[in-house]
Amino acid sequence: MKSKARIVLSFSLLLATTTFISASPPRETIRFDSDWKFFRGDADAESPSFDDSSWRSRRAAQLEH
């Protein structure tokens, strides 16, 4: 009787886990090919407060290498 209860409990946990995983939201696609800034050379821009307002805005496909 105990083994039957363990099997039922194990199956219930497996079913609950599967239901929880399938209920997660779908993946979100984030496009990162716009709003890039470009500066040719070494800008020394390590600081988070660095002012990049004079830089040209580009899409990733238009970046100069």
PDB file of N, CA and C in Angstrom:
ATOM      1  N   MET A   1       0.811  -1.198   0.000  1.00  0.00           N
ATOM      2  CA  MET A   1       0.000   0.000   0.000  1.00  0.00           C
ATOM      3  C   MET A   1       0.853   1.261   0.000  1.00  0.00           C
ATOM      4  N   LYS A   2       1.984   1.225   0.758  1.00  0.00           N
ATOM      5  CA  LYS A   2       2.853   2.402   0.815  1.00  0.00           C
ATOM      6  C   LYS A   2       3.498   2.665  -0.541  1.00  0.00           C
ATOM      7  N   SER A   3       3.871   1.595  -1.248  1.00  0.00           N
ATOM      8  CA  SER A   3       4.506   1.796  -2.548  1.00  0.00           C
ATOM      9  C   SER A   3       3.518   2.393  -3.550  1.00  0.00           C
ATOM     10  N   LYS A   4       2.251   2.003  -3.459  1.00  0.00           N
ATOM     11  CA  LYS A   4       1.238   2.567  -4.348  1.00  0.00           C
ATOM     12  C   LYS A   4       1.038   4.053  -4.053  1.00  0.00           C
ATOM     13  N   ALA A   5       1.069   4.420  -2.784  1.00  0.00           N
ATOM     14  CA  ALA A   5       0.931   5.827  -2.406  1.00  0.00           C
ATOM     15  C   ALA A   5       2.129   6.637  -2.896  1.00  0.00           C
ATOM     16  N   ARG A   6       3.313   6.055  -2.834  1.00  0.00           N
ATOM     17  CA  ARG A   6       4.512   6.748  -3.332  1.00  0.00           C
ATOM     18  C   ARG A   6       4.436   6.961  -4.838  1.00  0.00           C
ATOM     19  N   ILE A   7       3.953   5.955  -5.545  1.00  0.00           N
ATOM     20  CA  ILE A   7       3.827   6.073  -6.996  1.00  0.00           C
ATOM     21  C   ILE A   7       2.822   7.168  -7.348  1.00  0.00           C
ATOM     22  N   VAL A   8       1.700   7.184  -6.667  1.00  0.00           N
ATOM     23  CA  VAL A   8       0.683   8.208  -6.922  1.00  0.00           C
ATOM     24  C   VAL A   8       1.225   9.591  -6.579  1.00  0.00           C
ATOM     25  N   LEU A   9       1.936   9.701  -5.462  1.00  0.00           N
ATOM     26  CA  LEU A   9       2.520  10.985  -5.070  1.00  0.00           C
ATOM     27  C   LEU A   9       3.569  11.442  -6.085  1.00  0.00           C
ATOM     28  N   SER A  10       4.420  10.522  -6.517  1.00  0.00           N
ATOM     29  CA  SER A  10       5.448  10.863  -7.510  1.00  0.00           C
ATOM     30  C   SER A  10       4.812  11.317  -8.816  1.00  0.00           C
ATOM     31  N   PHE A  11       3.799  10.609  -9.259  1.00  0.00           N
ATOM     32  CA  PHE A  11       3.118  10.978 -10.491  1.00  0.00           C
ATOM     33  C   PHE A  11       2.440  12.339 -10.353  1.00  0.00           C
ATOM     34  N   SER A  12       1.839  12.587  -9.202  1.00  0.00           N
ATOM     35  CA  SER A  12       1.184  13.879  -8.966  1.00  0.00           C
ATOM     36  C   SER A  12       2.190  15.024  -8.995  1.00  0.00           C
ATOM     37  N   LEU A  13       3.351  14.820  -8.378  1.00  0.00           N
ATOM     38  CA  LEU A  13       4.397  15.853  -8.402  1.00  0.00           C
ATOM     39  C   LEU A  13       4.908  16.087  -9.819  1.00  0.00           C
ATOM     40  N   LEU A  14       5.087  15.010 -10.573  1.00  0.00           N
ATOM     41  CA  LEU A  14       5.528  15.135 -11.958  1.00  0.00           C
ATOM     42  C   LEU A  14       4.499  15.900 -12.784  1.00  0.00           C
ATOM     43  N   LEU A  15       3.244  15.579 -12.597  1.00  0.00           N
ATOM     44  CA  LEU A  15       2.180  16.261 -13.326  1.00  0.00           C
ATOM     45  C   LEU A  15       2.105  17.740 -12.951  1.00  0.00           C
ATOM     46  N   ALA A  16       2.244  18.046 -11.672  1.00  0.00           N
ATOM     47  CA  ALA A  16       2.203  19.436 -11.216  1.00  0.00           C
ATOM     48  C   ALA A  16       3.383  20.225 -11.775  1.00  0.00           C
ATOM     49  N   THR A  17       4.564  19.612 -11.800  1.00  0.00           N
ATOM     50  CA  THR A  17       5.753  20.275 -12.339  1.00  0.00           C
ATOM     51  C   THR A  17       5.594  20.545 -13.829  1.00  0.00           C
ATOM     52  N   THR A  18       5.094  19.569 -14.555  1.00  0.00           N
ATOM     53  CA  THR A  18       4.889  19.735 -15.993  1.00  0.00           C
ATOM     54  C   THR A  18       3.878  20.840 -16.275  1.00  0.00           C
ATOM     55  N   THR A  19       2.830  20.902 -15.498  1.00  0.00           N
ATOM     56  CA  THR A  19       1.819  21.945 -15.669  1.00  0.00           C
ATOM     57  C   THR A  19       2.407  23.320 -15.378  1.00  0.00           C
ATOM     58  N   PHE A  20       3.231  23.417 -14.347  1.00  0.00           N
ATOM     59  CA  PHE A  20       3.854  24.689 -13.996  1.00  0.00           C
ATOM     60  C   PHE A  20       4.797  25.162 -15.094  1.00  0.00           C
ATOM     61  N   ILE A  21       5.588  24.258 -15.650  1.00  0.00           N
ATOM     62  CA  ILE A  21       6.545  24.631 -16.694  1.00  0.00           C
ATOM     63  C   ILE A  21       5.814  25.090 -17.953  1.00  0.00           C
ATOM     64  N   SER A  22       4.751  24.412 -18.319  1.00  0.00           N
ATOM     65  CA  SER A  22       4.035  24.795 -19.537  1.00  0.00           C
ATOM     66  C   SER A  22       3.249  26.089 -19.358  1.00  0.00           C
ATOM     67  N   ALA A  23       3.022  26.514 -18.122  1.00  0.00           N
ATOM     68  CA  ALA A  23       2.273  27.741 -17.869  1.00  0.00           C
ATOM     69  C   ALA A  23       3.162  28.982 -17.872  1.00  0.00           C
ATOM     70  N   SER A  24       4.466  28.816 -18.061  1.00  0.00           N
ATOM     71  CA  SER A  24       5.367  29.964 -18.069  1.00  0.00           C
ATOM     72  C   SER A  24       5.121  30.810 -19.319  1.00  0.00           C
ATOM     73  N   PRO A  25       5.387  32.111 -19.245  1.00  0.00           N
ATOM     74  CA  PRO A  25       5.120  32.994 -20.390  1.00  0.00           C
ATOM     75  C   PRO A  25       6.049  32.667 -21.562  1.00  0.00           C
ATOM     76  N   PRO A  26       5.629  32.976 -22.767  1.00  0.00           N
ATOM     77  CA  PRO A  26       6.476  32.708 -23.931  1.00  0.00           C
ATOM     78  C   PRO A  26       7.718  33.597 -23.924  1.00  0.00           C
ATOM     79  N   ARG A  27       8.703  33.186 -24.671  1.00  0.00           N
ATOM     80  CA  ARG A  27       9.938  33.971 -24.756  1.00  0.00           C
ATOM     81  C   ARG A  27       9.669  35.324 -25.391  1.00  0.00           C
ATOM     82  N   GLU A  28      10.447  36.299 -24.977  1.00  0.00           N
ATOM     83  CA  GLU A  28      10.320  37.645 -25.522  1.00  0.00           C
ATOM     84  C   GLU A  28      11.481  37.892 -26.478  1.00  0.00           C
ATOM     85  N   THR A  29      11.171  38.358 -27.662  1.00  0.00           N
ATOM     86  CA  THR A  29      12.199  38.680 -28.642  1.00  0.00           C
ATOM     87  C   THR A  29      12.542  40.156 -28.513  1.00  0.00           C
ATOM     88  N   ILE A  30      13.812  40.426 -28.271  1.00  0.00           N
ATOM     89  CA  ILE A  30      14.273  41.805 -28.123  1.00  0.00           C
ATOM     90  C   ILE A  30      15.210  42.115 -29.286  1.00  0.00           C
ATOM     91  N   ARG A  31      14.849  43.095 -30.071  1.00  0.00           N
ATOM     92  CA  ARG A  31      15.695  43.492 -31.202  1.00  0.00           C
ATOM     93  C   ARG A  31      16.720  44.510 -30.706  1.00  0.00           C
ATOM     94  N   PHE A  32      17.961  44.271 -31.009  1.00  0.00           N
ATOM     95  CA  PHE A  32      19.012  45.166 -30.542  1.00  0.00           C
ATOM     96  C   PHE A  32      19.767  45.812 -31.699  1.00  0.00           C
ATOM     97  N   ASP A  33      19.129  45.928 -32.852  1.00  0.00           N
ATOM     98  CA  ASP A  33      19.811  46.504 -34.006  1.00  0.00           C
ATOM     99  C   ASP A  33      19.460  47.969 -34.253  1.00  0.00           C
ATOM    100  N   SER A  34      18.917  48.651 -33.258  1.00  0.00           N
ATOM    101  CA  SER A  34      18.652  50.082 -33.407  1.00  0.00           C
ATOM    102  C   SER A  34      19.184  50.823 -32.185  1.00  0.00           C
ATOM    103  N   ASP A  35      19.232  52.125 -32.291  1.00  0.00           N
ATOM    104  CA  ASP A  35      19.679  52.995 -31.193  1.00  0.00           C
ATOM    105  C   ASP A  35      21.131  52.760 -30.776  1.00  0.00           C
ATOM    106  N   TRP A  36      21.989  52.522 -31.721  1.00  0.00           N
ATOM    107  CA  TRP A  36      23.415  52.395 -31.445  1.00  0.00           C
ATOM    108  C   TRP A  36      24.065  53.758 -31.625  1.00  0.00           C
ATOM    109  N   LYS A  37      25.133  54.003 -30.909  1.00  0.00           N
ATOM    110  CA  LYS A  37      25.937  55.214 -31.078  1.00  0.00           C
ATOM    111  C   LYS A  37      27.303  54.782 -31.596  1.00  0.00           C
ATOM    112  N   PHE A  38      27.873  55.583 -32.491  1.00  0.00           N
ATOM    113  CA  PHE A  38      29.160  55.232 -33.083  1.00  0.00           C
ATOM    114  C   PHE A  38      30.149  56.372 -32.919  1.00  0.00           C
ATOM    115  N   PHE A  39      31.366  56.017 -32.545  1.00  0.00           N
ATOM    116  CA  PHE A  39      32.465  56.969 -32.454  1.00  0.00           C
ATOM    117  C   PHE A  39      33.718  56.267 -32.943  1.00  0.00           C
ATOM    118  N   ARG A  40      34.335  56.799 -33.987  1.00  0.00           N
ATOM    119  CA  ARG A  40      35.553  56.181 -34.504  1.00  0.00           C
ATOM    120  C   ARG A  40      36.723  56.610 -33.620  1.00  0.00           C
ATOM    121  N   GLY A  41      37.395  55.630 -33.051  1.00  0.00           N
ATOM    122  CA  GLY A  41      38.543  55.921 -32.204  1.00  0.00           C
ATOM    123  C   GLY A  41      38.303  55.481 -30.777  1.00  0.00           C
ATOM    124  N   ASP A  42      39.194  55.880 -29.893  1.00  0.00           N
ATOM    125  CA  ASP A  42      39.099  55.544 -28.477  1.00  0.00           C
ATOM    126  C   ASP A  42      38.422  56.700 -27.755  1.00  0.00           C
ATOM    127  N   ALA A  43      37.230  56.473 -27.241  1.00  0.00           N
ATOM    128  CA  ALA A  43      36.451  57.550 -26.628  1.00  0.00           C
ATOM    129  C   ALA A  43      36.679  57.674 -25.131  1.00  0.00           C
ATOM    130  N   ASP A  44      37.359  56.714 -24.517  1.00  0.00           N
ATOM    131  CA  ASP A  44      37.529  56.705 -23.053  1.00  0.00           C
ATOM    132  C   ASP A  44      36.172  56.853 -22.363  1.00  0.00           C
ATOM    133  N   ALA A  45      35.215  56.019 -22.743  1.00  0.00           N
ATOM    134  CA  ALA A  45      33.831  56.139 -22.265  1.00  0.00           C
ATOM    135  C   ALA A  45      33.489  55.113 -21.190  1.00  0.00           C
ATOM    136  N   GLU A  46      34.407  54.840 -20.284  1.00  0.00           N
ATOM    137  CA  GLU A  46      34.168  53.840 -19.241  1.00  0.00           C
ATOM    138  C   GLU A  46      33.188  54.323 -18.182  1.00  0.00           C
ATOM    139  N   SER A  47      33.074  55.612 -18.007  1.00  0.00           N
ATOM    140  CA  SER A  47      32.220  56.180 -16.964  1.00  0.00           C
ATOM    141  C   SER A  47      30.742  56.114 -17.371  1.00  0.00           C
ATOM    142  N   PRO A  48      29.850  55.670 -16.472  1.00  0.00           N
ATOM    143  CA  PRO A  48      28.421  55.650 -16.803  1.00  0.00           C
ATOM    144  C   PRO A  48      27.853  57.041 -17.089  1.00  0.00           C
ATOM    145  N   SER A  49      28.488  58.080 -16.597  1.00  0.00           N
ATOM    146  CA  SER A  49      27.989  59.438 -16.823  1.00  0.00           C
ATOM    147  C   SER A  49      28.612  60.083 -18.064  1.00  0.00           C
ATOM    148  N   PHE A  50      29.293  59.299 -18.892  1.00  0.00           N
ATOM    149  CA  PHE A  50      29.936  59.817 -20.097  1.00  0.00           C
ATOM    150  C   PHE A  50      28.890  60.409 -21.043  1.00  0.00           C
ATOM    151  N   ASP A  51      29.164  61.589 -21.583  1.00  0.00           N
ATOM    152  CA  ASP A  51      28.237  62.282 -22.483  1.00  0.00           C
ATOM    153  C   ASP A  51      28.498  61.844 -23.922  1.00  0.00           C
ATOM    154  N   ASP A  52      27.571  61.082 -24.501  1.00  0.00           N
ATOM    155  CA  ASP A  52      27.717  60.633 -25.885  1.00  0.00           C
ATOM    156  C   ASP A  52      26.711  61.320 -26.816  1.00  0.00           C
ATOM    157  N   SER A  53      26.222  62.477 -26.424  1.00  0.00           N
ATOM    158  CA  SER A  53      25.200  63.169 -27.217  1.00  0.00           C
ATOM    159  C   SER A  53      25.735  63.659 -28.563  1.00  0.00           C
ATOM    160  N   SER A  54      27.039  63.850 -28.690  1.00  0.00           N
ATOM    161  CA  SER A  54      27.599  64.315 -29.960  1.00  0.00           C
ATOM    162  C   SER A  54      27.882  63.160 -30.924  1.00  0.00           C
ATOM    163  N   TRP A  55      27.695  61.944 -30.492  1.00  0.00           N
ATOM    164  CA  TRP A  55      27.951  60.789 -31.350  1.00  0.00           C
ATOM    165  C   TRP A  55      26.822  60.614 -32.356  1.00  0.00           C
ATOM    166  N   ARG A  56      27.141  59.997 -33.479  1.00  0.00           N
ATOM    167  CA  ARG A  56      26.138  59.732 -34.504  1.00  0.00           C
ATOM    168  C   ARG A  56      25.310  58.505 -34.124  1.00  0.00           C
ATOM    169  N   SER A  57      24.004  58.578 -34.329  1.00  0.00           N
ATOM    170  CA  SER A  57      23.130  57.426 -34.096  1.00  0.00           C
ATOM    171  C   SER A  57      23.113  56.568 -35.347  1.00  0.00           C
ATOM    172  N   ARG A  58      23.182  55.254 -35.148  1.00  0.00           N
ATOM    173  CA  ARG A  58      23.196  54.310 -36.260  1.00  0.00           C
ATOM    174  C   ARG A  58      22.396  53.074 -35.913  1.00  0.00           C
ATOM    175  N   ARG A  59      21.960  52.371 -36.946  1.00  0.00           N
ATOM    176  CA  ARG A  59      21.430  51.023 -36.760  1.00  0.00           C
ATOM    177  C   ARG A  59      22.614  50.078 -36.798  1.00  0.00           C
ATOM    178  N   ALA A  60      22.488  48.902 -36.218  1.00  0.00           N
ATOM    179  CA  ALA A  60      23.603  47.956 -36.149  1.00  0.00           C
ATOM    180  C   ALA A  60      24.107  47.586 -37.540  1.00  0.00           C
ATOM    181  N   ALA A  61      23.214  47.488 -38.520  1.00  0.00           N
ATOM    182  CA  ALA A  61      23.617  47.126 -39.875  1.00  0.00           C
ATOM    183  C   ALA A  61      24.434  48.225 -40.539  1.00  0.00           C
ATOM    184  N   GLN A  62      24.364  49.447 -40.046  1.00  0.00           N
ATOM    185  CA  GLN A  62      25.070  50.574 -40.647  1.00  0.00           C
ATOM    186  C   GLN A  62      26.353  50.928 -39.910  1.00  0.00           C
ATOM    187  N   LEU A  63      26.692  50.184 -38.864  1.00  0.00           N
ATOM    188  CA  LEU A  63      27.882  50.533 -38.092  1.00  0.00           C
ATOM    189  C   LEU A  63      29.135  50.407 -38.939  1.00  0.00           C
ATOM    190  N   GLU A  64      30.018  51.355 -38.789  1.00  0.00           N
ATOM    191  CA  GLU A  64      31.291  51.328 -39.498  1.00  0.00           C
ATOM    192  C   GLU A  64      32.268  50.508 -38.673  1.00  0.00           C
ATOM    193  N   HIS A  65      32.999  49.648 -39.316  1.00  0.00           N
ATOM    194  CA  HIS A  65      33.921  48.768 -38.590  1.00  0.00           C
ATOM    195  C   HIS A  65      35.327  49.288 -38.683  1.00  0.00           C
TER     196      HIS A  65
END
